[in-house]
Protein backbone atom coordinates (compact mmCIF):
# COMPACT_ATOMS: atom_id res chain seq x y z
CA GLN A 1 8.87 -14.19 11.99
CA VAL A 2 6.43 -12.13 9.96
CA GLN A 3 7.99 -10.01 7.22
CA LEU A 4 6.46 -7.67 4.68
CA VAL A 5 8.46 -6.57 1.65
CA GLU A 6 7.11 -3.74 -0.44
CA SER A 7 8.22 -3.05 -4.00
CA GLY A 8 7.11 -1.38 -7.21
CA GLY A 9 7.81 2.21 -6.35
CA GLY A 10 9.68 4.60 -8.59
CA VAL A 11 9.65 7.99 -10.24
CA VAL A 12 6.61 8.78 -12.36
CA GLN A 13 5.18 11.87 -13.99
CA PRO A 14 1.87 13.34 -12.82
CA GLY A 15 -0.96 11.37 -14.34
CA GLY A 16 1.09 8.20 -14.46
CA SER A 17 0.49 4.84 -12.83
CA LEU A 18 2.34 2.41 -10.60
CA ARG A 19 1.46 -0.91 -9.02
CA LEU A 20 2.92 -1.58 -5.63
CA SER A 21 3.35 -5.10 -4.27
CA CYS A 22 3.66 -6.31 -0.71
CA VAL A 23 4.94 -9.86 -0.35
CA VAL A 24 4.25 -11.33 3.06
CA SER A 25 6.10 -14.20 4.69
CA GLY A 26 5.57 -15.87 8.04
CA ARG A 27 1.80 -15.35 8.07
CA SER A 28 -0.94 -15.88 5.53
CA VAL A 29 -2.69 -12.77 4.26
CA SER A 30 -5.83 -14.87 3.80
CA GLY A 31 -8.41 -14.18 6.46
CA HIS A 32 -6.75 -10.92 7.51
CA SER A 33 -7.71 -7.37 6.78
CA MET A 34 -4.74 -5.55 5.21
CA ASP A 35 -3.85 -1.88 4.91
CA TRP A 36 -1.60 0.40 2.91
CA PHE A 37 -0.11 3.46 4.58
CA ARG A 38 2.25 6.14 3.36
CA ARG A 39 4.68 8.60 4.90
CA ALA A 40 5.31 11.77 2.92
CA ALA A 41 8.53 12.75 4.64
CA PRO A 42 10.73 11.60 7.50
CA GLY A 43 9.31 12.75 10.80
CA LYS A 44 5.76 12.96 9.48
CA ASP A 45 3.11 10.54 10.65
CA ARG A 46 2.14 7.66 8.44
CA GLU A 47 -1.12 8.34 6.62
CA TRP A 48 -3.61 5.54 6.10
CA VAL A 49 -4.35 5.01 2.41
CA ALA A 50 -6.46 1.91 1.83
CA GLN A 51 -7.83 -1.26 3.40
CA ILE A 52 -9.11 -4.56 2.10
CA SER A 53 -11.34 -6.69 4.28
CA ARG A 54 -10.37 -10.21 5.28
CA THR A 55 -12.96 -11.59 2.88
CA ASP A 56 -11.90 -9.30 0.00
CA ASP A 57 -15.44 -8.04 -0.47
CA VAL A 58 -15.02 -4.65 1.16
CA THR A 59 -12.42 -1.97 0.45
CA HIS A 60 -11.96 1.46 1.97
CA TYR A 61 -9.89 4.39 0.76
CA ALA A 62 -8.72 7.71 2.05
CA ASP A 63 -10.59 10.56 0.40
CA SER A 64 -7.35 11.78 -1.14
CA VAL A 65 -6.93 8.59 -3.21
CA LYS A 66 -10.51 7.45 -3.73
CA GLY A 67 -11.24 6.75 -7.37
CA ARG A 68 -7.55 6.59 -8.26
CA PHE A 69 -6.11 3.75 -6.12
CA THR A 70 -7.24 0.14 -5.90
CA ILE A 71 -6.20 -2.36 -3.24
CA SER A 72 -6.28 -6.08 -3.99
CA ARG A 73 -4.60 -9.31 -2.98
CA ASP A 74 -3.43 -12.62 -4.44
CA HIS A 75 -3.92 -15.39 -1.91
CA ASP A 76 -1.76 -17.87 -3.81
CA LYS A 77 1.16 -15.43 -3.87
CA ASN A 78 0.48 -14.17 -0.33
CA THR A 79 0.76 -10.68 -1.76
CA VAL A 80 -1.19 -7.46 -1.43
CA TYR A 81 -1.23 -4.87 -4.21
CA LEU A 82 -1.94 -1.19 -4.57
CA GLN A 83 -2.73 -0.03 -8.09
CA MET A 84 -2.19 3.71 -8.29
CA ASN A 85 -3.51 5.64 -11.27
CA ASN A 86 -3.59 9.33 -12.13
CA LEU A 87 -0.79 9.98 -9.69
CA LYS A 88 -0.32 13.45 -8.26
CA PRO A 89 2.72 15.14 -6.71
CA ASP A 90 0.97 14.90 -3.32
CA ASP A 91 1.15 11.11 -3.64
CA THR A 92 4.91 11.30 -3.23
CA ALA A 93 5.74 9.19 -0.18
CA VAL A 94 7.16 5.95 1.08
CA TYR A 95 4.40 3.35 0.95
CA TYR A 96 3.97 0.53 3.47
CA CYS A 97 1.57 -2.34 3.88
CA THR A 98 0.61 -4.04 7.12
CA PHE A 99 -1.98 -6.23 8.75
CA SER A 100 -4.91 -4.22 10.08
CA LEU A 101 -4.80 -6.05 13.41
CA PRO A 102 -2.37 -4.28 15.76
CA PRO A 103 0.42 -4.11 16.50
CA PRO A 104 1.45 -3.04 13.02
CA ILE A 105 4.38 -4.76 11.37
CA TRP A 106 6.35 -2.47 9.11
CA GLY A 107 8.59 -3.38 6.22
CA GLN A 108 11.11 -1.08 4.62
CA GLY A 109 8.50 0.50 2.37
CA THR A 110 8.79 1.49 -1.26
CA GLN A 111 9.44 5.04 -2.42
CA VAL A 112 7.05 6.70 -4.85
CA ILE A 113 8.03 10.04 -6.38
CA VAL A 114 5.57 11.88 -8.58
CA SER A 115 7.30 14.70 -10.39
CA SER A 116 7.50 16.27 -13.80
C-alpha cells in the first residue's frame, strides 16, 4: 500500500521560511514525477504548486510561488521536499504531495499558517 506522510508545517510570520517533507512508503519516488498541491480552505479545490520531473532535472512552479519555493527529493530517504521562503499570508493552506501519474494518492497533508 502506497502512503505519503507530509510534515514540516507550522505557523510562521510573513517573510519566514518552512521546509515541508513528504515521506513515501510502498513505492519508490525514484523514476516518478512528483507534485506538491495545497488547499487553502475546506471545500476549496486543491491548487497545484510545484512539480519535479522523474529525472530531477526539470522543475515547474505555479506563478504564485515561483522564485520563492523549491521542490527537491532525496532518493535514499524516499522523500520529497518543498522549501518555502518569503512566505505570504496567501500561502496559508494544507499542503500535500503526490505522484504526478494519476490517480493521485493523498496523505493527511501538513498545515501551513502564515500570519503576523
